[in-house]
Amino acid sequence: MTRAIVVGFRPTNSGSDALALGVRLARSAGAHLHVVTVLPREGALSAAVPPERSYETHIQKQARAWLRDAAGRIPAGVSHSGHVRPGESFAEGLVEAAEEFGAGLIVVGAANGGLFGYHRIGSVASELLHSSPVPVALAPAGLARGIDADTDVSRVTAAIGTRPGADVLLDAAVRLATMTDSGLRLISLVPFDVPAGLGTGAMRLVDDALGEDVLARASDALPEGVEAELEHAPGETVEEAVARLAWKPGEMLIVGSSRLAQPRRLFLGSTAAKMLHVLPVPMIVVPRTSHDPLADTPDKTAPPTTTITETAKGADA
């Protein structure tokens, strides 16, 4: 049995950030890292004028060169392999790779133009957040160039609310913290589960009445021997509450997907989307009925060292 992570890699700052986060998680959790770059399916580079075969061959060679470069950045001791995969879109190719390898997590970087240290959702992340059946980890811009780029996972923070799916989120957070041998913090964002229109005073009352109860129930649900810090995230807005929280180098935030999402599919809810605006650490989004991130899965690849594979027409070449 092995744990597997899929990283979406391109020769960009975003790709480097995703790779850095994938390495952090793989090293901390003892997981195998699948570095994947996705190319348009054969013949799809131009619908009007099919590309020359020599051009497609050149693109394939270039993609393999990108993966060799990525492999050179992965430290010794992290099991990894590189893959060139076809796809109708980059996100679709990553989901197909995750399903093929039995991966429990897909990692992508921020869109170009984001503020250093913060998140900016691009087209690939947006598509994944609306369609992925497995958890998605989002790396903030500049993670690969940050001073804590080589830091292991230090603590897992779970944003616990009252909506359906909170138990799945808690299980995923406990598992991730246990796998990475890191701390666990549970924060209450109960005020932001209150229907709009109640006003600030009502929100504060709800926080007083339910906040401690939510955290207490979450704490009671922890497995024996697992302890967690319990903390409120007070603020008039989601952004204000998150901005007031203290974050450790190497920390991860884990949140659940929207209640509107289809079962086993992600959809980033409004609260999580607002958190991203001010969040300085990576975020993992978990489907409401997902398996836990990095869950043990059958070893479908068994590659102990660096390899680079290609898939053409659905088969390894």
Protein backbone atom coordinates (compact mmCIF):
# COMPACT_ATOMS: atom_id res chain seq x y z
CA MET A 1 0.00 0.00 0.00
CA THR A 2 1.17 3.50 -0.73
CA ARG A 3 0.00 7.08 -0.55
CA ALA A 4 0.06 9.11 -3.73
CA ILE A 5 -0.06 12.80 -4.62
CA VAL A 6 -0.51 14.28 -8.10
CA VAL A 7 1.15 17.64 -8.80
CA GLY A 8 0.17 19.66 -11.85
CA PHE A 9 3.46 20.98 -13.24
CA ARG A 10 4.29 23.59 -15.85
CA PRO A 11 7.58 25.49 -16.30
CA THR A 12 6.14 28.57 -14.56
CA ASN A 13 6.24 30.12 -11.10
CA SER A 14 2.86 28.54 -10.46
CA GLY A 15 4.19 25.12 -11.41
CA SER A 16 7.19 25.60 -9.12
CA ASP A 17 4.90 26.54 -6.22
CA ALA A 18 2.75 23.46 -6.79
CA LEU A 19 5.86 21.28 -6.89
CA ALA A 20 7.19 22.80 -3.66
CA LEU A 21 3.90 22.13 -1.88
CA GLY A 22 3.73 18.60 -3.29
CA VAL A 23 7.24 17.91 -2.02
CA ARG A 24 6.34 19.27 1.43
CA LEU A 25 3.30 17.01 1.68
CA ALA A 26 5.00 13.94 0.21
CA ARG A 27 8.03 14.29 2.47
CA SER A 28 5.89 14.86 5.57
CA ALA A 29 3.41 12.07 4.85
CA GLY A 30 5.72 9.52 3.25
CA ALA A 31 3.77 9.70 -0.01
CA HIS A 32 4.81 9.04 -3.60
CA LEU A 33 4.82 12.17 -5.77
CA HIS A 34 3.46 11.97 -9.32
CA VAL A 35 4.55 15.08 -11.22
CA VAL A 36 2.18 15.44 -14.16
CA THR A 37 2.17 17.77 -17.14
CA VAL A 38 -0.84 17.68 -19.44
CA LEU A 39 -0.78 18.24 -23.21
CA PRO A 40 -3.73 18.55 -25.61
CA ARG A 41 -4.94 15.23 -26.89
CA GLU A 42 -3.42 14.09 -30.18
CA GLY A 43 -4.69 16.18 -33.05
CA ALA A 44 -6.34 18.72 -30.75
CA LEU A 45 -3.66 21.42 -30.93
CA SER A 46 -5.54 22.99 -33.82
CA ALA A 47 -9.07 22.07 -34.78
CA ALA A 48 -8.84 23.83 -38.16
CA VAL A 49 -5.37 22.76 -39.28
CA PRO A 50 -4.00 19.53 -37.76
CA PRO A 51 -0.43 20.07 -36.52
CA GLU A 52 2.52 18.37 -38.16
CA ARG A 53 3.55 15.14 -36.51
CA SER A 54 7.02 16.59 -36.02
CA TYR A 55 5.53 19.47 -34.04
CA GLU A 56 3.64 17.13 -31.72
CA THR A 57 6.84 15.12 -31.24
CA HIS A 58 8.68 18.33 -30.36
CA ILE A 59 6.04 19.25 -27.78
CA GLN A 60 6.27 15.80 -26.21
CA LYS A 61 10.06 16.09 -25.97
CA GLN A 62 9.73 19.54 -24.44
CA ALA A 63 7.28 18.24 -21.84
CA ARG A 64 9.67 15.46 -20.87
CA ALA A 65 12.43 18.05 -20.49
CA TRP A 66 10.18 20.04 -18.12
CA LEU A 67 9.65 16.93 -16.03
CA ARG A 68 13.37 16.20 -15.87
CA ASP A 69 13.90 19.74 -14.63
CA ALA A 70 11.17 19.25 -12.00
CA ALA A 71 12.75 15.97 -10.90
CA GLY A 72 16.03 17.78 -10.35
CA ARG A 73 14.34 20.00 -7.75
CA ILE A 74 12.92 17.13 -5.70
CA PRO A 75 15.14 16.28 -2.72
CA ALA A 76 16.58 12.85 -2.18
CA GLY A 77 14.35 10.59 -0.15
CA VAL A 78 11.10 11.71 -1.80
CA SER A 79 9.82 8.95 -4.08
CA HIS A 80 8.62 10.48 -7.34
CA SER A 81 7.91 9.94 -11.01
CA GLY A 82 7.05 12.18 -13.95
CA HIS A 83 4.23 11.72 -16.43
CA VAL A 84 3.10 13.35 -19.67
CA ARG A 85 -0.64 12.94 -20.01
CA PRO A 86 -3.14 14.00 -22.70
CA GLY A 87 -6.32 15.82 -21.75
CA GLU A 88 -9.11 17.97 -23.07
CA SER A 89 -7.92 20.43 -20.43
CA PHE A 90 -5.07 20.59 -17.93
CA ALA A 91 -7.48 20.03 -15.04
CA GLU A 92 -9.14 17.05 -16.72
CA GLY A 93 -5.75 15.47 -17.32
CA LEU A 94 -4.86 15.87 -13.63
CA VAL A 95 -8.13 14.28 -12.49
CA GLU A 96 -7.61 11.36 -14.87
CA ALA A 97 -4.05 10.93 -13.58
CA ALA A 98 -5.25 11.01 -9.97
CA GLU A 99 -7.80 8.30 -10.72
CA GLU A 100 -5.24 6.23 -12.62
CA PHE A 101 -2.67 6.39 -9.81
CA GLY A 102 -5.16 6.11 -6.96
CA ALA A 103 -3.99 9.50 -5.65
CA GLY A 104 -5.67 11.07 -2.65
CA LEU A 105 -4.69 14.66 -3.48
CA ILE A 106 -4.14 16.97 -6.47
CA VAL A 107 -1.82 19.96 -5.98
CA VAL A 108 -1.83 23.11 -8.14
CA GLY A 109 -0.37 26.61 -7.87
CA ALA A 110 -1.84 30.09 -7.94
CA ALA A 111 -2.61 31.97 -11.14
CA ASN A 112 -0.02 34.36 -12.49
CA GLY A 113 -0.27 37.88 -11.14
CA GLY A 114 -1.15 36.96 -7.57
CA LEU A 115 0.38 38.77 -4.62
CA PHE A 116 3.47 37.07 -3.21
CA GLY A 117 2.44 34.72 -0.41
CA TYR A 118 -1.28 34.74 -1.23
CA HIS A 119 -3.77 32.92 -3.45
CA ARG A 120 -5.20 33.74 -6.85
CA ILE A 121 -7.49 31.19 -8.45
CA GLY A 122 -6.74 30.57 -12.12
CA SER A 123 -8.59 28.56 -14.74
CA VAL A 124 -7.00 25.21 -13.81
CA ALA A 125 -7.71 25.55 -10.09
CA SER A 126 -11.21 26.85 -10.78
CA GLU A 127 -12.04 23.86 -12.99
CA LEU A 128 -10.65 21.44 -10.40
CA LEU A 129 -12.60 23.10 -7.60
CA HIS A 130 -15.79 22.53 -9.57
CA SER A 131 -15.14 18.99 -10.74
CA SER A 132 -12.49 17.05 -8.82
CA PRO A 133 -13.62 13.90 -6.98
CA VAL A 134 -10.50 14.04 -4.78
CA PRO A 135 -9.23 16.81 -2.48
CA VAL A 136 -7.36 19.70 -4.09
CA ALA A 137 -4.43 21.53 -2.46
CA LEU A 138 -3.80 25.14 -3.49
CA ALA A 139 -0.31 26.61 -3.16
CA PRO A 140 -0.03 30.37 -2.56
CA ALA A 141 2.03 32.44 -4.99
CA GLY A 142 5.74 32.42 -4.23
CA LEU A 143 5.74 29.33 -2.03
CA ALA A 144 8.77 27.89 -3.86
CA ARG A 145 10.69 31.13 -3.28
CA GLY A 146 9.61 31.70 0.31
CA ILE A 147 11.88 31.38 3.31
CA ASP A 148 9.92 28.34 4.51
CA ALA A 149 9.89 26.57 1.12
CA ASP A 150 11.73 23.56 2.58
CA THR A 151 9.66 23.40 5.77
CA ASP A 152 7.69 20.23 6.49
CA VAL A 153 4.02 20.36 7.46
CA SER A 154 4.03 21.85 10.96
CA ARG A 155 0.33 22.06 11.78
CA VAL A 156 -3.04 21.30 10.19
CA THR A 157 -5.80 23.81 10.83
CA ALA A 158 -9.39 22.77 10.10
CA ALA A 159 -12.16 25.36 9.75
CA ILE A 160 -15.08 23.62 11.46
CA GLY A 161 -18.67 24.77 11.04
CA THR A 162 -22.15 23.34 11.56
CA ARG A 163 -23.10 22.39 8.03
CA PRO A 164 -23.30 18.83 6.65
CA GLY A 165 -19.89 17.41 5.86
CA ALA A 166 -18.17 18.71 9.01
CA ASP A 167 -17.53 15.14 10.16
CA VAL A 168 -15.81 14.29 6.87
CA LEU A 169 -13.67 17.39 7.19
CA LEU A 170 -12.69 16.56 10.77
CA ASP A 171 -11.75 12.99 9.79
CA ALA A 172 -9.62 14.30 6.93
CA ALA A 173 -7.89 16.83 9.17
CA VAL A 174 -7.11 14.22 11.83
CA ARG A 175 -5.74 11.82 9.24
CA LEU A 176 -3.55 14.47 7.61
CA ALA A 177 -2.19 15.66 10.96
CA THR A 178 -1.49 12.06 12.01
CA MET A 179 0.25 11.17 8.73
CA THR A 180 2.44 14.24 8.79
CA ASP A 181 3.13 13.99 12.53
CA SER A 182 2.07 17.60 12.92
CA GLY A 183 -0.14 19.58 15.25
CA LEU A 184 -3.89 19.95 14.81
CA ARG A 185 -5.89 23.15 15.34
CA LEU A 186 -9.65 23.46 15.07
CA ILE A 187 -11.05 26.91 14.42
CA SER A 188 -14.68 27.95 14.62
CA LEU A 189 -16.16 30.03 11.82
CA VAL A 190 -19.71 29.59 13.10
CA PRO A 191 -20.76 33.24 12.60
CA PHE A 192 -20.30 32.82 8.86
CA ASP A 193 -22.70 29.89 8.81
CA VAL A 194 -25.50 32.22 9.95
CA PRO A 195 -27.98 33.28 7.24
CA ALA A 196 -27.43 36.78 5.89
CA GLY A 197 -29.57 39.56 7.30
CA LEU A 198 -29.35 38.71 11.00
CA GLY A 199 -26.91 41.52 11.69
CA THR A 200 -23.65 41.69 13.59
CA GLY A 201 -25.27 41.43 17.02
CA ALA A 202 -27.07 38.22 16.11
CA MET A 203 -23.88 36.81 14.65
CA ARG A 204 -22.07 37.45 17.92
CA LEU A 205 -24.85 35.73 19.86
CA VAL A 206 -24.64 32.72 17.59
CA ASP A 207 -20.88 32.66 18.08
CA ASP A 208 -21.28 32.75 21.86
CA ALA A 209 -24.01 30.10 21.83
CA LEU A 210 -22.64 27.68 19.26
CA GLY A 211 -18.97 28.38 18.77
CA GLU A 212 -17.75 26.61 21.88
CA ASP A 213 -20.25 23.82 21.33
CA VAL A 214 -19.02 23.20 17.78
CA LEU A 215 -15.42 23.04 18.91
CA ALA A 216 -16.28 20.86 21.91
CA ARG A 217 -18.19 18.39 19.74
CA ALA A 218 -15.33 18.32 17.24
CA SER A 219 -12.86 17.72 20.06
CA ASP A 220 -15.02 14.88 21.43
CA ALA A 221 -14.97 13.25 17.99
CA LEU A 222 -11.18 13.08 17.88
CA PRO A 223 -9.68 9.59 18.12
CA GLU A 224 -8.16 8.59 21.43
CA GLY A 225 -4.67 10.02 21.80
CA VAL A 226 -5.24 12.84 19.28
CA GLU A 227 -5.35 16.30 20.77
CA ALA A 228 -6.14 19.58 19.09
CA GLU A 229 -5.97 23.26 19.89
CA LEU A 230 -9.40 24.90 19.89
CA GLU A 231 -9.64 28.47 18.71
CA HIS A 232 -12.27 30.99 17.67
CA ALA A 233 -11.68 33.17 14.64
CA PRO A 234 -13.53 36.36 15.67
CA GLY A 235 -14.19 39.15 13.22
CA GLU A 236 -16.91 41.14 11.53
CA THR A 237 -16.03 39.50 8.20
CA VAL A 238 -14.43 36.27 7.06
CA GLU A 239 -11.40 38.17 5.82
CA GLU A 240 -10.96 39.98 9.13
CA ALA A 241 -11.25 36.78 11.13
CA VAL A 242 -8.70 34.89 9.02
CA ALA A 243 -6.30 37.83 8.96
CA ARG A 244 -6.24 37.86 12.79
CA LEU A 245 -5.21 34.21 13.05
CA ALA A 246 -1.57 33.34 13.68
CA TRP A 247 -0.02 30.96 11.16
CA LYS A 248 3.08 28.82 11.54
CA PRO A 249 5.63 28.21 8.76
CA GLY A 250 4.60 24.98 7.06
CA GLU A 251 0.97 25.19 8.22
CA MET A 252 -1.94 23.87 6.12
CA LEU A 253 -5.58 24.97 6.21
CA ILE A 254 -8.19 22.34 5.37
CA VAL A 255 -11.79 23.25 4.53
CA GLY A 256 -14.87 21.45 3.26
CA SER A 257 -16.51 22.07 -0.09
CA SER A 258 -19.76 23.96 -0.49
CA ARG A 259 -23.01 22.36 0.62
CA LEU A 260 -24.18 22.99 -2.97
CA ALA A 261 -21.55 20.67 -4.40
CA GLN A 262 -22.55 17.33 -5.85
CA PRO A 263 -21.55 14.31 -3.73
CA ARG A 264 -17.86 13.43 -4.19
CA ARG A 265 -17.30 16.64 -6.14
CA LEU A 266 -15.70 19.89 -5.04
CA PHE A 267 -17.24 23.32 -5.12
CA LEU A 268 -15.54 26.17 -3.33
CA GLY A 269 -18.07 27.85 -1.06
CA SER A 270 -18.31 31.58 -0.48
CA THR A 271 -16.66 31.42 2.95
CA ALA A 272 -13.62 29.50 1.66
CA ALA A 273 -13.37 31.80 -1.35
CA LYS A 274 -13.26 34.83 0.95
CA MET A 275 -10.64 33.18 3.14
CA LEU A 276 -8.37 32.78 0.12
CA HIS A 277 -8.14 36.55 -0.28
CA VAL A 278 -6.12 36.90 2.94
CA LEU A 279 -4.82 33.38 3.55
CA PRO A 280 -0.99 33.19 3.63
CA VAL A 281 -0.76 29.36 3.81
CA PRO A 282 -1.77 26.48 1.49
CA MET A 283 -5.41 25.39 1.50
CA ILE A 284 -6.81 21.89 0.96
CA VAL A 285 -10.46 21.63 -0.13
CA VAL A 286 -12.19 18.31 0.66
CA PRO A 287 -15.33 17.01 -1.08
CA ARG A 288 -18.28 16.48 1.26
CA THR A 289 -18.23 12.70 0.83
CA SER A 290 -14.56 12.33 -0.02
CA HIS A 291 -12.09 9.74 1.12
CA ASP A 292 -9.47 11.29 3.37
CA PRO A 293 -6.54 13.13 1.74
CA LEU A 294 -3.55 10.89 1.19
CA ALA A 295 -5.51 7.78 2.16
CA ASP A 296 -3.64 4.52 1.67
CA THR A 297 -4.41 3.20 -1.80
CA PRO A 298 -3.32 0.20 -3.84
CA ASP A 299 0.10 0.79 -5.38
CA LYS A 300 -0.75 1.17 -9.06
CA THR A 301 2.66 2.39 -10.13
CA ALA A 302 5.34 1.04 -7.78
CA PRO A 303 8.03 3.42 -9.07
CA PRO A 304 10.72 3.73 -6.36
CA THR A 305 12.82 6.26 -8.27
CA THR A 306 12.45 8.92 -10.94
CA THR A 307 10.74 7.78 -14.13
CA ILE A 308 9.04 9.70 -16.91
CA THR A 309 6.12 8.12 -18.71
CA GLU A 310 3.95 9.18 -21.59
CA THR A 311 0.37 8.28 -22.28
CA ALA A 312 -0.85 8.30 -25.85
CA LYS A 313 -4.39 7.26 -26.72
CA GLY A 314 -4.89 6.07 -23.17
CA ALA A 315 -1.92 3.70 -22.82
CA ASP A 316 1.57 4.09 -21.45
CA ALA A 317 4.12 4.36 -24.22
